[in-house]
Amino acid sequence: MGRPKKQVELQSLGVATVEEYSVDHLNEACDILMEFLPVETQERVREAQAGLNIPLWQLFLGYVMRCRDRDEVWSPHLLSMWENALPASAPRPCKNCKLMFTHKHSEAMYCCEYCAFNKVSERGHNENCPTREYQEVA
């Protein structure tokens, strides 16, 4: 008869029991996960954390419990960037011009409206196009 699976998993992390997890471990894990959320979501979560005056890990688990209460556990909102273990704010290539850009909307596929409507060859990128940030660096 072997040890329970949970205990084996914990020992592989260098922790013998659940009691040996510290609040610092939980908060560090949540800080890492926060980096994968869109910036505006991170800001709202931090505001909620401050307003509720609870640790981030409790807020995260509370969100999971809220999903369970609403029967939403089987319908998560997944971002495409997560398929490659990238944060939502990671640079990505524009679907049209292939230049790298970051965007405030985590699922943006085009760098600007000219690329989205295939007008970049006629007009070039607009003055607010996020690809300019990467072209100036290069």
C-alpha atoms as a PDB file:
ATOM      1  CA  MET A   1       0.000   0.000   0.000  1.00  0.00           C
ATOM      2  CA  GLY A   2       1.599   3.279  -1.151  1.00  0.00           C
ATOM      3  CA  ARG A   3       1.370   6.764   0.176  1.00  0.00           C
ATOM      4  CA  PRO A   4      -1.588   8.908  -0.861  1.00  0.00           C
ATOM      5  CA  LYS A   5      -1.037  10.629  -4.213  1.00  0.00           C
ATOM      6  CA  LYS A   6      -1.353  14.137  -2.745  1.00  0.00           C
ATOM      7  CA  GLN A   7       1.470  13.492  -0.283  1.00  0.00           C
ATOM      8  CA  VAL A   8       3.723  12.165  -3.081  1.00  0.00           C
ATOM      9  CA  GLU A   9       3.016  15.292  -5.168  1.00  0.00           C
ATOM     10  CA  LEU A  10       3.821  17.552  -2.226  1.00  0.00           C
ATOM     11  CA  GLN A  11       7.062  15.711  -1.504  1.00  0.00           C
ATOM     12  CA  SER A  12       8.187  16.146  -5.116  1.00  0.00           C
ATOM     13  CA  LEU A  13       7.918  19.893  -4.445  1.00  0.00           C
ATOM     14  CA  GLY A  14      10.100  19.565  -1.361  1.00  0.00           C
ATOM     15  CA  VAL A  15       7.119  19.908   0.975  1.00  0.00           C
ATOM     16  CA  ALA A  16       6.117  16.958   3.153  1.00  0.00           C
ATOM     17  CA  THR A  17       2.653  18.106   4.189  1.00  0.00           C
ATOM     18  CA  VAL A  18       0.138  20.807   3.384  1.00  0.00           C
ATOM     19  CA  GLU A  19       0.955  22.429   6.715  1.00  0.00           C
ATOM     20  CA  GLU A  20       4.477  23.161   5.450  1.00  0.00           C
ATOM     21  CA  TYR A  21       3.158  25.435   2.715  1.00  0.00           C
ATOM     22  CA  SER A  22       3.495  28.993   3.858  1.00  0.00           C
ATOM     23  CA  VAL A  23       1.369  31.965   2.994  1.00  0.00           C
ATOM     24  CA  ASP A  24       4.439  33.299   1.184  1.00  0.00           C
ATOM     25  CA  HIS A  25       4.375  30.283  -1.168  1.00  0.00           C
ATOM     26  CA  LEU A  26       0.718  30.889  -1.942  1.00  0.00           C
ATOM     27  CA  ASN A  27       1.203  34.605  -2.551  1.00  0.00           C
ATOM     28  CA  GLU A  28       4.272  33.977  -4.750  1.00  0.00           C
ATOM     29  CA  ALA A  29       2.282  31.517  -6.866  1.00  0.00           C
ATOM     30  CA  CYS A  30      -0.517  34.053  -7.302  1.00  0.00           C
ATOM     31  CA  ASP A  31       1.948  36.824  -8.202  1.00  0.00           C
ATOM     32  CA  ILE A  32       3.307  34.606 -10.984  1.00  0.00           C
ATOM     33  CA  LEU A  33      -0.195  33.831 -12.249  1.00  0.00           C
ATOM     34  CA  MET A  34      -1.136  37.530 -12.168  1.00  0.00           C
ATOM     35  CA  GLU A  35       1.557  38.262 -14.762  1.00  0.00           C
ATOM     36  CA  PHE A  36      -0.364  36.114 -17.257  1.00  0.00           C
ATOM     37  CA  LEU A  37      -3.541  38.167 -16.978  1.00  0.00           C
ATOM     38  CA  PRO A  38      -4.230  41.229 -19.134  1.00  0.00           C
ATOM     39  CA  VAL A  39      -2.926  44.416 -17.505  1.00  0.00           C
ATOM     40  CA  GLU A  40      -6.396  45.890 -16.987  1.00  0.00           C
ATOM     41  CA  THR A  41      -7.490  42.661 -15.260  1.00  0.00           C
ATOM     42  CA  GLN A  42      -4.420  42.737 -13.027  1.00  0.00           C
ATOM     43  CA  GLU A  43      -5.295  46.287 -12.007  1.00  0.00           C
ATOM     44  CA  ARG A  44      -8.888  45.375 -11.157  1.00  0.00           C
ATOM     45  CA  VAL A  45      -7.825  42.306  -9.170  1.00  0.00           C
ATOM     46  CA  ARG A  46      -5.308  44.395  -7.184  1.00  0.00           C
ATOM     47  CA  GLU A  47      -8.029  46.992  -6.514  1.00  0.00           C
ATOM     48  CA  ALA A  48     -10.367  44.250  -5.280  1.00  0.00           C
ATOM     49  CA  GLN A  49      -7.618  42.781  -3.125  1.00  0.00           C
ATOM     50  CA  ALA A  50      -6.912  46.150  -1.530  1.00  0.00           C
ATOM     51  CA  GLY A  51     -10.598  46.960  -1.094  1.00  0.00           C
ATOM     52  CA  LEU A  52     -11.385  43.605   0.469  1.00  0.00           C
ATOM     53  CA  ASN A  53      -8.128  43.599   2.446  1.00  0.00           C
ATOM     54  CA  ILE A  54      -7.457  39.880   1.861  1.00  0.00           C
ATOM     55  CA  PRO A  55      -4.406  38.014   0.564  1.00  0.00           C
ATOM     56  CA  LEU A  56      -4.223  37.492  -3.183  1.00  0.00           C
ATOM     57  CA  TRP A  57      -4.305  33.704  -2.873  1.00  0.00           C
ATOM     58  CA  GLN A  58      -7.599  33.868  -0.966  1.00  0.00           C
ATOM     59  CA  LEU A  59      -9.034  36.145  -3.643  1.00  0.00           C
ATOM     60  CA  PHE A  60      -8.009  33.680  -6.390  1.00  0.00           C
ATOM     61  CA  LEU A  61      -9.523  30.727  -4.564  1.00  0.00           C
ATOM     62  CA  GLY A  62     -12.619  32.808  -3.854  1.00  0.00           C
ATOM     63  CA  TYR A  63     -13.007  33.402  -7.597  1.00  0.00           C
ATOM     64  CA  VAL A  64     -12.825  29.656  -8.202  1.00  0.00           C
ATOM     65  CA  MET A  65     -15.455  29.065  -5.541  1.00  0.00           C
ATOM     66  CA  ARG A  66     -17.661  31.761  -7.134  1.00  0.00           C
ATOM     67  CA  CYS A  67     -17.357  29.911 -10.457  1.00  0.00           C
ATOM     68  CA  ARG A  68     -18.421  26.711  -8.726  1.00  0.00           C
ATOM     69  CA  ASP A  69     -21.399  28.471  -7.137  1.00  0.00           C
ATOM     70  CA  ARG A  70     -22.496  29.713 -10.555  1.00  0.00           C
ATOM     71  CA  ASP A  71     -21.879  26.386 -12.321  1.00  0.00           C
ATOM     72  CA  GLU A  72     -19.175  28.032 -14.467  1.00  0.00           C
ATOM     73  CA  VAL A  73     -16.322  25.690 -13.560  1.00  0.00           C
ATOM     74  CA  TRP A  74     -16.661  23.949 -16.941  1.00  0.00           C
ATOM     75  CA  SER A  75     -16.586  27.164 -18.976  1.00  0.00           C
ATOM     76  CA  PRO A  76     -13.338  29.003 -18.295  1.00  0.00           C
ATOM     77  CA  HIS A  77     -12.332  32.098 -20.245  1.00  0.00           C
ATOM     78  CA  LEU A  78      -9.059  30.992 -21.845  1.00  0.00           C
ATOM     79  CA  LEU A  79      -6.705  33.349 -23.657  1.00  0.00           C
ATOM     80  CA  SER A  80      -4.887  32.116 -26.748  1.00  0.00           C
ATOM     81  CA  MET A  81      -1.524  33.330 -25.403  1.00  0.00           C
ATOM     82  CA  TRP A  82      -1.783  30.804 -22.572  1.00  0.00           C
ATOM     83  CA  GLU A  83      -1.505  27.906 -25.039  1.00  0.00           C
ATOM     84  CA  ASN A  84       2.175  28.839 -25.347  1.00  0.00           C
ATOM     85  CA  ALA A  85       2.567  29.724 -21.640  1.00  0.00           C
ATOM     86  CA  LEU A  86       2.863  33.425 -22.493  1.00  0.00           C
ATOM     87  CA  PRO A  87       1.431  36.342 -20.548  1.00  0.00           C
ATOM     88  CA  ALA A  88      -1.531  38.143 -22.113  1.00  0.00           C
ATOM     89  CA  SER A  89       0.645  41.219 -22.645  1.00  0.00           C
ATOM     90  CA  ALA A  90       3.403  39.362 -24.540  1.00  0.00           C
ATOM     91  CA  PRO A  91       4.382  40.722 -27.963  1.00  0.00           C
ATOM     92  CA  ARG A  92       2.817  38.875 -30.889  1.00  0.00           C
ATOM     93  CA  PRO A  93       3.042  39.111 -34.685  1.00  0.00           C
ATOM     94  CA  CYS A  94       0.320  41.014 -36.522  1.00  0.00           C
ATOM     95  CA  LYS A  95      -1.824  38.662 -38.598  1.00  0.00           C
ATOM     96  CA  ASN A  96      -1.402  40.926 -41.644  1.00  0.00           C
ATOM     97  CA  CYS A  97       1.994  42.680 -41.629  1.00  0.00           C
ATOM     98  CA  LYS A  98       3.745  40.117 -39.340  1.00  0.00           C
ATOM     99  CA  LEU A  99       5.423  42.912 -37.303  1.00  0.00           C
ATOM    100  CA  MET A 100       5.566  42.372 -33.546  1.00  0.00           C
ATOM    101  CA  PHE A 101       3.230  44.404 -31.323  1.00  0.00           C
ATOM    102  CA  THR A 102       1.623  44.485 -27.907  1.00  0.00           C
ATOM    103  CA  HIS A 103      -1.938  45.618 -27.404  1.00  0.00           C
ATOM    104  CA  LYS A 104      -4.156  46.612 -24.499  1.00  0.00           C
ATOM    105  CA  HIS A 105      -6.668  44.001 -25.664  1.00  0.00           C
ATOM    106  CA  SER A 106      -5.177  40.602 -24.901  1.00  0.00           C
ATOM    107  CA  GLU A 107      -6.706  38.848 -27.921  1.00  0.00           C
ATOM    108  CA  ALA A 108      -5.822  41.478 -30.552  1.00  0.00           C
ATOM    109  CA  MET A 109      -4.709  39.870 -33.831  1.00  0.00           C
ATOM    110  CA  TYR A 110      -3.947  43.047 -35.795  1.00  0.00           C
ATOM    111  CA  CYS A 111      -1.641  45.875 -34.798  1.00  0.00           C
ATOM    112  CA  CYS A 112      -3.878  48.659 -36.152  1.00  0.00           C
ATOM    113  CA  GLU A 113      -7.060  49.212 -38.127  1.00  0.00           C
ATOM    114  CA  TYR A 114      -5.155  49.575 -41.405  1.00  0.00           C
ATOM    115  CA  CYS A 115      -3.831  46.028 -41.024  1.00  0.00           C
ATOM    116  CA  ALA A 116      -7.225  44.754 -39.867  1.00  0.00           C
ATOM    117  CA  PHE A 117      -8.867  46.088 -43.060  1.00  0.00           C
ATOM    118  CA  ASN A 118      -5.876  45.204 -45.274  1.00  0.00           C
ATOM    119  CA  LYS A 119      -5.146  48.875 -46.084  1.00  0.00           C
ATOM    120  CA  VAL A 120      -1.582  49.001 -44.752  1.00  0.00           C
ATOM    121  CA  SER A 121      -0.049  48.713 -48.239  1.00  0.00           C
ATOM    122  CA  GLU A 122      -1.971  51.844 -49.327  1.00  0.00           C
ATOM    123  CA  ARG A 123      -1.682  53.930 -46.190  1.00  0.00           C
ATOM    124  CA  GLY A 124       1.066  52.467 -44.043  1.00  0.00           C
ATOM    125  CA  HIS A 125       0.547  52.060 -40.322  1.00  0.00           C
ATOM    126  CA  ASN A 126      -1.342  54.762 -38.457  1.00  0.00           C
ATOM    127  CA  GLU A 127       0.483  57.089 -36.065  1.00  0.00           C
ATOM    128  CA  ASN A 128      -0.702  55.166 -32.999  1.00  0.00           C
ATOM    129  CA  CYS A 129       0.210  51.725 -34.321  1.00  0.00           C
ATOM    130  CA  PRO A 130       1.930  49.679 -31.582  1.00  0.00           C
ATOM    131  CA  THR A 131       4.392  48.228 -34.130  1.00  0.00           C
ATOM    132  CA  ARG A 132       6.173  51.599 -34.131  1.00  0.00           C
ATOM    133  CA  GLU A 133       7.456  50.814 -30.643  1.00  0.00           C
ATOM    134  CA  TYR A 134       9.295  47.756 -31.991  1.00  0.00           C
ATOM    135  CA  GLN A 135      10.465  49.406 -35.220  1.00  0.00           C
ATOM    136  CA  GLU A 136      12.139  52.235 -33.292  1.00  0.00           C
ATOM    137  CA  VAL A 137      14.012  49.749 -31.080  1.00  0.00           C
ATOM    138  CA  ALA A 138      15.361  47.746 -34.030  1.00  0.00           C
END
